[in-house]
Amino acid sequence: MRLRVDRERCIGAGMCALTAPEVFDQDLEDGHVLLLHTEPPRAQTTAARMAAGACPSGAITLHEPDPDAGSS
């Protein structure tokens, strides 16, 4: 899984940091999302997915690897 955030779209609700604090934080100055891990550890992927779904502004997007990539 690969994560991206759009800080311009972020409204600083903090749901990401509350849901997946090992993956997301908030900027102390403006409250906008800070992405701590572009590719979170496997143990954090469920929380990262939940955080992306809980984001009220849709500022978090996740990309799953193509399961067919690399297969011959």
PDB file of N, CA and C in Angstrom:
ATOM      1  N   MET A   1       0.835  -1.166   0.000  1.00  0.00           N
ATOM      2  CA  MET A   1       0.000   0.000   0.000  1.00  0.00           C
ATOM      3  C   MET A   1       0.891   1.244   0.000  1.00  0.00           C
ATOM      4  N   ARG A   2       0.472   2.213  -0.770  1.00  0.00           N
ATOM      5  CA  ARG A   2       1.176   3.494  -0.839  1.00  0.00           C
ATOM      6  C   ARG A   2       0.163   4.600  -0.555  1.00  0.00           C
ATOM      7  N   LEU A   3       0.533   5.534   0.303  1.00  0.00           N
ATOM      8  CA  LEU A   3      -0.358   6.619   0.701  1.00  0.00           C
ATOM      9  C   LEU A   3       0.112   7.948   0.130  1.00  0.00           C
ATOM     10  N   ARG A   4      -0.864   8.802  -0.122  1.00  0.00           N
ATOM     11  CA  ARG A   4      -0.588  10.186  -0.522  1.00  0.00           C
ATOM     12  C   ARG A   4      -1.552  11.070   0.243  1.00  0.00           C
ATOM     13  N   VAL A   5      -1.111  12.272   0.553  1.00  0.00           N
ATOM     14  CA  VAL A   5      -1.984  13.243   1.203  1.00  0.00           C
ATOM     15  C   VAL A   5      -1.977  14.546   0.417  1.00  0.00           C
ATOM     16  N   ASP A   6      -3.092  15.230   0.461  1.00  0.00           N
ATOM     17  CA  ASP A   6      -3.229  16.533  -0.179  1.00  0.00           C
ATOM     18  C   ASP A   6      -3.415  17.551   0.945  1.00  0.00           C
ATOM     19  N   ARG A   7      -2.329  18.192   1.345  1.00  0.00           N
ATOM     20  CA  ARG A   7      -2.386  19.139   2.456  1.00  0.00           C
ATOM     21  C   ARG A   7      -3.263  20.346   2.142  1.00  0.00           C
ATOM     22  N   GLU A   8      -3.410  20.674   0.869  1.00  0.00           N
ATOM     23  CA  GLU A   8      -4.275  21.793   0.487  1.00  0.00           C
ATOM     24  C   GLU A   8      -5.751  21.449   0.719  1.00  0.00           C
ATOM     25  N   ARG A   9      -6.079  20.218   0.563  1.00  0.00           N
ATOM     26  CA  ARG A   9      -7.461  19.758   0.730  1.00  0.00           C
ATOM     27  C   ARG A   9      -7.808  19.494   2.201  1.00  0.00           C
ATOM     28  N   CYS A  10      -6.793  19.219   3.002  1.00  0.00           N
ATOM     29  CA  CYS A  10      -6.971  18.883   4.414  1.00  0.00           C
ATOM     30  C   CYS A  10      -7.635  20.039   5.166  1.00  0.00           C
ATOM     31  N   ILE A  11      -8.578  19.699   6.046  1.00  0.00           N
ATOM     32  CA  ILE A  11      -9.242  20.715   6.858  1.00  0.00           C
ATOM     33  C   ILE A  11      -8.814  20.647   8.324  1.00  0.00           C
ATOM     34  N   GLY A  12      -7.879  19.763   8.639  1.00  0.00           N
ATOM     35  CA  GLY A  12      -7.336  19.678   9.990  1.00  0.00           C
ATOM     36  C   GLY A  12      -8.253  19.021  11.004  1.00  0.00           C
ATOM     37  N   ALA A  13      -9.133  18.142  10.568  1.00  0.00           N
ATOM     38  CA  ALA A  13     -10.060  17.471  11.485  1.00  0.00           C
ATOM     39  C   ALA A  13      -9.324  16.532  12.446  1.00  0.00           C
ATOM     40  N   GLY A  14      -8.203  15.966  12.017  1.00  0.00           N
ATOM     41  CA  GLY A  14      -7.399  15.118  12.885  1.00  0.00           C
ATOM     42  C   GLY A  14      -7.825  13.670  12.968  1.00  0.00           C
ATOM     43  N   MET A  15      -8.807  13.265  12.188  1.00  0.00           N
ATOM     44  CA  MET A  15      -9.254  11.866  12.232  1.00  0.00           C
ATOM     45  C   MET A  15      -8.129  10.907  11.861  1.00  0.00           C
ATOM     46  N   CYS A  16      -7.275  11.313  10.938  1.00  0.00           N
ATOM     47  CA  CYS A  16      -6.173  10.444  10.520  1.00  0.00           C
ATOM     48  C   CYS A  16      -5.215  10.181  11.672  1.00  0.00           C
ATOM     49  N   ALA A  17      -4.815  11.241  12.361  1.00  0.00           N
ATOM     50  CA  ALA A  17      -3.869  11.100  13.467  1.00  0.00           C
ATOM     51  C   ALA A  17      -4.482  10.331  14.637  1.00  0.00           C
ATOM     52  N   LEU A  18      -5.784  10.463  14.830  1.00  0.00           N
ATOM     53  CA  LEU A  18      -6.456   9.713  15.889  1.00  0.00           C
ATOM     54  C   LEU A  18      -6.596   8.237  15.532  1.00  0.00           C
ATOM     55  N   THR A  19      -6.860   7.964  14.265  1.00  0.00           N
ATOM     56  CA  THR A  19      -7.106   6.594  13.808  1.00  0.00           C
ATOM     57  C   THR A  19      -5.821   5.809  13.581  1.00  0.00           C
ATOM     58  N   ALA A  20      -4.811   6.470  13.043  1.00  0.00           N
ATOM     59  CA  ALA A  20      -3.543   5.789  12.727  1.00  0.00           C
ATOM     60  C   ALA A  20      -2.364   6.685  13.121  1.00  0.00           C
ATOM     61  N   PRO A  21      -2.130   6.852  14.420  1.00  0.00           N
ATOM     62  CA  PRO A  21      -1.075   7.770  14.870  1.00  0.00           C
ATOM     63  C   PRO A  21       0.343   7.342  14.486  1.00  0.00           C
ATOM     64  N   GLU A  22       0.535   6.087  14.130  1.00  0.00           N
ATOM     65  CA  GLU A  22       1.846   5.637  13.694  1.00  0.00           C
ATOM     66  C   GLU A  22       2.117   6.005  12.240  1.00  0.00           C
ATOM     67  N   VAL A  23       1.059   6.391  11.520  1.00  0.00           N
ATOM     68  CA  VAL A  23       1.169   6.694  10.096  1.00  0.00           C
ATOM     69  C   VAL A  23       0.981   8.182   9.818  1.00  0.00           C
ATOM     70  N   PHE A  24       0.110   8.843  10.590  1.00  0.00           N
ATOM     71  CA  PHE A  24      -0.228  10.247  10.359  1.00  0.00           C
ATOM     72  C   PHE A  24      -0.011  11.077  11.622  1.00  0.00           C
ATOM     73  N   ASP A  25       0.275  12.335  11.409  1.00  0.00           N
ATOM     74  CA  ASP A  25       0.347  13.303  12.499  1.00  0.00           C
ATOM     75  C   ASP A  25      -0.281  14.593  11.974  1.00  0.00           C
ATOM     76  N   GLN A  26      -0.319  15.608  12.829  1.00  0.00           N
ATOM     77  CA  GLN A  26      -0.836  16.904  12.422  1.00  0.00           C
ATOM     78  C   GLN A  26       0.236  17.958  12.617  1.00  0.00           C
ATOM     79  N   ASP A  27       0.319  18.872  11.670  1.00  0.00           N
ATOM     80  CA  ASP A  27       1.245  19.989  11.744  1.00  0.00           C
ATOM     81  C   ASP A  27       0.842  20.876  12.922  1.00  0.00           C
ATOM     82  N   LEU A  28       1.785  21.196  13.776  1.00  0.00           N
ATOM     83  CA  LEU A  28       1.486  22.016  14.949  1.00  0.00           C
ATOM     84  C   LEU A  28       1.072  23.435  14.585  1.00  0.00           C
ATOM     85  N   GLU A  29       1.509  23.927  13.425  1.00  0.00           N
ATOM     86  CA  GLU A  29       1.185  25.297  13.026  1.00  0.00           C
ATOM     87  C   GLU A  29      -0.201  25.434  12.419  1.00  0.00           C
ATOM     88  N   ASP A  30      -0.539  24.573  11.471  1.00  0.00           N
ATOM     89  CA  ASP A  30      -1.828  24.742  10.778  1.00  0.00           C
ATOM     90  C   ASP A  30      -2.799  23.578  10.988  1.00  0.00           C
ATOM     91  N   GLY A  31      -2.366  22.518  11.665  1.00  0.00           N
ATOM     92  CA  GLY A  31      -3.248  21.386  11.929  1.00  0.00           C
ATOM     93  C   GLY A  31      -3.431  20.432  10.773  1.00  0.00           C
ATOM     94  N   HIS A  32      -2.802  20.718   9.643  1.00  0.00           N
ATOM     95  CA  HIS A  32      -2.965  19.862   8.470  1.00  0.00           C
ATOM     96  C   HIS A  32      -2.184  18.564   8.630  1.00  0.00           C
ATOM     97  N   VAL A  33      -2.614  17.582   7.883  1.00  0.00           N
ATOM     98  CA  VAL A  33      -2.055  16.236   7.945  1.00  0.00           C
ATOM     99  C   VAL A  33      -0.559  16.217   7.616  1.00  0.00           C
ATOM    100  N   LEU A  34       0.151  15.386   8.350  1.00  0.00           N
ATOM    101  CA  LEU A  34       1.545  15.057   8.057  1.00  0.00           C
ATOM    102  C   LEU A  34       1.612  13.554   7.858  1.00  0.00           C
ATOM    103  N   LEU A  35       2.131  13.141   6.740  1.00  0.00           N
ATOM    104  CA  LEU A  35       2.271  11.718   6.435  1.00  0.00           C
ATOM    105  C   LEU A  35       3.617  11.238   6.954  1.00  0.00           C
ATOM    106  N   LEU A  36       3.597  10.317   7.894  1.00  0.00           N
ATOM    107  CA  LEU A  36       4.820   9.810   8.501  1.00  0.00           C
ATOM    108  C   LEU A  36       5.416   8.653   7.713  1.00  0.00           C
ATOM    109  N   HIS A  37       4.559   7.879   7.035  1.00  0.00           N
ATOM    110  CA  HIS A  37       5.015   6.709   6.269  1.00  0.00           C
ATOM    111  C   HIS A  37       4.253   6.637   4.957  1.00  0.00           C
ATOM    112  N   THR A  38       4.940   6.863   3.854  1.00  0.00           N
ATOM    113  CA  THR A  38       4.314   6.735   2.533  1.00  0.00           C
ATOM    114  C   THR A  38       3.873   5.303   2.291  1.00  0.00           C
ATOM    115  N   GLU A  39       4.688   4.370   2.751  1.00  0.00           N
ATOM    116  CA  GLU A  39       4.363   2.949   2.669  1.00  0.00           C
ATOM    117  C   GLU A  39       4.369   2.408   4.096  1.00  0.00           C
ATOM    118  N   PRO A  40       3.210   2.422   4.746  1.00  0.00           N
ATOM    119  CA  PRO A  40       3.175   2.019   6.154  1.00  0.00           C
ATOM    120  C   PRO A  40       3.516   0.546   6.348  1.00  0.00           C
ATOM    121  N   PRO A  41       4.052   0.228   7.529  1.00  0.00           N
ATOM    122  CA  PRO A  41       4.325  -1.173   7.838  1.00  0.00           C
ATOM    123  C   PRO A  41       3.049  -2.000   7.767  1.00  0.00           C
ATOM    124  N   ARG A  42       3.191  -3.250   7.451  1.00  0.00           N
ATOM    125  CA  ARG A  42       2.036  -4.148   7.298  1.00  0.00           C
ATOM    126  C   ARG A  42       1.103  -4.087   8.503  1.00  0.00           C
ATOM    127  N   ALA A  43       1.650  -3.974   9.689  1.00  0.00           N
ATOM    128  CA  ALA A  43       0.827  -3.927  10.906  1.00  0.00           C
ATOM    129  C   ALA A  43      -0.043  -2.677  10.974  1.00  0.00           C
ATOM    130  N   GLN A  44       0.260  -1.669  10.172  1.00  0.00           N
ATOM    131  CA  GLN A  44      -0.484  -0.413  10.215  1.00  0.00           C
ATOM    132  C   GLN A  44      -1.419  -0.214   9.017  1.00  0.00           C
ATOM    133  N   THR A  45      -1.460  -1.160   8.093  1.00  0.00           N
ATOM    134  CA  THR A  45      -2.250  -0.951   6.881  1.00  0.00           C
ATOM    135  C   THR A  45      -3.748  -0.864   7.153  1.00  0.00           C
ATOM    136  N   THR A  46      -4.262  -1.645   8.072  1.00  0.00           N
ATOM    137  CA  THR A  46      -5.699  -1.580   8.376  1.00  0.00           C
ATOM    138  C   THR A  46      -6.051  -0.221   8.955  1.00  0.00           C
ATOM    139  N   ALA A  47      -5.245   0.264   9.891  1.00  0.00           N
ATOM    140  CA  ALA A  47      -5.493   1.577  10.485  1.00  0.00           C
ATOM    141  C   ALA A  47      -5.368   2.673   9.433  1.00  0.00           C
ATOM    142  N   ALA A  48      -4.413   2.551   8.524  1.00  0.00           N
ATOM    143  CA  ALA A  48      -4.237   3.546   7.460  1.00  0.00           C
ATOM    144  C   ALA A  48      -5.459   3.576   6.546  1.00  0.00           C
ATOM    145  N   ARG A  49      -5.994   2.405   6.206  1.00  0.00           N
ATOM    146  CA  ARG A  49      -7.213   2.346   5.384  1.00  0.00           C
ATOM    147  C   ARG A  49      -8.394   3.004   6.102  1.00  0.00           C
ATOM    148  N   MET A  50      -8.517   2.718   7.388  1.00  0.00           N
ATOM    149  CA  MET A  50      -9.602   3.303   8.173  1.00  0.00           C
ATOM    150  C   MET A  50      -9.456   4.826   8.234  1.00  0.00           C
ATOM    151  N   ALA A  51      -8.235   5.307   8.400  1.00  0.00           N
ATOM    152  CA  ALA A  51      -7.992   6.747   8.450  1.00  0.00           C
ATOM    153  C   ALA A  51      -8.356   7.412   7.123  1.00  0.00           C
ATOM    154  N   ALA A  52      -7.997   6.779   6.025  1.00  0.00           N
ATOM    155  CA  ALA A  52      -8.336   7.333   4.716  1.00  0.00           C
ATOM    156  C   ALA A  52      -9.853   7.410   4.552  1.00  0.00           C
ATOM    157  N   GLY A  53     -10.555   6.385   5.004  1.00  0.00           N
ATOM    158  CA  GLY A  53     -12.011   6.383   4.910  1.00  0.00           C
ATOM    159  C   GLY A  53     -12.676   7.370   5.847  1.00  0.00           C
ATOM    160  N   ALA A  54     -12.022   7.681   6.962  1.00  0.00           N
ATOM    161  CA  ALA A  54     -12.594   8.595   7.950  1.00  0.00           C
ATOM    162  C   ALA A  54     -12.295  10.058   7.644  1.00  0.00           C
ATOM    163  N   CYS A  55     -11.414  10.325   6.714  1.00  0.00           N
ATOM    164  CA  CYS A  55     -11.029  11.710   6.406  1.00  0.00           C
ATOM    165  C   CYS A  55     -12.219  12.457   5.800  1.00  0.00           C
ATOM    166  N   PRO A  56     -12.740  13.484   6.491  1.00  0.00           N
ATOM    167  CA  PRO A  56     -13.927  14.171   5.989  1.00  0.00           C
ATOM    168  C   PRO A  56     -13.688  14.981   4.716  1.00  0.00           C
ATOM    169  N   SER A  57     -12.440  15.336   4.440  1.00  0.00           N
ATOM    170  CA  SER A  57     -12.167  16.135   3.244  1.00  0.00           C
ATOM    171  C   SER A  57     -11.645  15.301   2.078  1.00  0.00           C
ATOM    172  N   GLY A  58     -11.392  14.018   2.313  1.00  0.00           N
ATOM    173  CA  GLY A  58     -10.862  13.157   1.256  1.00  0.00           C
ATOM    174  C   GLY A  58      -9.425  13.499   0.890  1.00  0.00           C
ATOM    175  N   ALA A  59      -8.669  14.022   1.856  1.00  0.00           N
ATOM    176  CA  ALA A  59      -7.293  14.444   1.601  1.00  0.00           C
ATOM    177  C   ALA A  59      -6.309  13.284   1.548  1.00  0.00           C
ATOM    178  N   ILE A  60      -6.742  12.094   1.927  1.00  0.00           N
ATOM    179  CA  ILE A  60      -5.856  10.925   1.948  1.00  0.00           C
ATOM    180  C   ILE A  60      -6.287   9.958   0.861  1.00  0.00           C
ATOM    181  N   THR A  61      -5.350   9.573   0.043  1.00  0.00           N
ATOM    182  CA  THR A  61      -5.630   8.557  -0.967  1.00  0.00           C
ATOM    183  C   THR A  61      -4.660   7.404  -0.767  1.00  0.00           C
ATOM    184  N   LEU A  62      -5.135   6.216  -1.035  1.00  0.00           N
ATOM    185  CA  LEU A  62      -4.263   5.050  -0.947  1.00  0.00           C
ATOM    186  C   LEU A  62      -4.288   4.295  -2.264  1.00  0.00           C
ATOM    187  N   HIS A  63      -3.149   3.757  -2.554  1.00  0.00           N
ATOM    188  CA  HIS A  63      -2.973   3.001  -3.790  1.00  0.00           C
ATOM    189  C   HIS A  63      -2.491   1.609  -3.434  1.00  0.00           C
ATOM    190  N   GLU A  64      -3.235   0.637  -3.862  1.00  0.00           N
ATOM    191  CA  GLU A  64      -2.870  -0.766  -3.631  1.00  0.00           C
ATOM    192  C   GLU A  64      -2.005  -1.230  -4.800  1.00  0.00           C
ATOM    193  N   PRO A  65      -1.009  -2.057  -4.530  1.00  0.00           N
ATOM    194  CA  PRO A  65      -0.213  -2.589  -5.637  1.00  0.00           C
ATOM    195  C   PRO A  65      -1.065  -3.477  -6.530  1.00  0.00           C
ATOM    196  N   ASP A  66      -0.729  -3.475  -7.798  1.00  0.00           N
ATOM    197  CA  ASP A  66      -1.427  -4.311  -8.767  1.00  0.00           C
ATOM    198  C   ASP A  66      -1.021  -5.754  -8.504  1.00  0.00           C
ATOM    199  N   PRO A  67      -1.989  -6.627  -8.150  1.00  0.00           N
ATOM    200  CA  PRO A  67      -1.640  -8.022  -7.834  1.00  0.00           C
ATOM    201  C   PRO A  67      -1.046  -8.765  -9.020  1.00  0.00           C
ATOM    202  N   ASP A  68      -1.314  -8.284 -10.243  1.00  0.00           N
ATOM    203  CA  ASP A  68      -0.792  -8.952 -11.426  1.00  0.00           C
ATOM    204  C   ASP A  68       0.608  -8.450 -11.815  1.00  0.00           C
ATOM    205  N   ALA A  69       1.030  -7.334 -11.205  1.00  0.00           N
ATOM    206  CA  ALA A  69       2.352  -6.796 -11.533  1.00  0.00           C
ATOM    207  C   ALA A  69       3.420  -7.769 -11.016  1.00  0.00           C
ATOM    208  N   GLY A  70       4.359  -8.038 -11.823  1.00  0.00           N
ATOM    209  CA  GLY A  70       5.446  -8.915 -11.428  1.00  0.00           C
ATOM    210  C   GLY A  70       5.197 -10.387 -11.681  1.00  0.00           C
ATOM    211  N   SER A  71       3.957 -10.750 -12.024  1.00  0.00           N
ATOM    212  CA  SER A  71       3.708 -12.157 -12.338  1.00  0.00           C
ATOM    213  C   SER A  71       3.960 -12.399 -13.814  1.00  0.00           C
ATOM    214  N   SER A  72       4.458 -13.554 -14.112  1.00  0.00           N
ATOM    215  CA  SER A  72       4.803 -13.864 -15.510  1.00  0.00           C
ATOM    216  C   SER A  72       3.737 -14.656 -16.177  1.00  0.00           C
TER     217      SER A  72
END
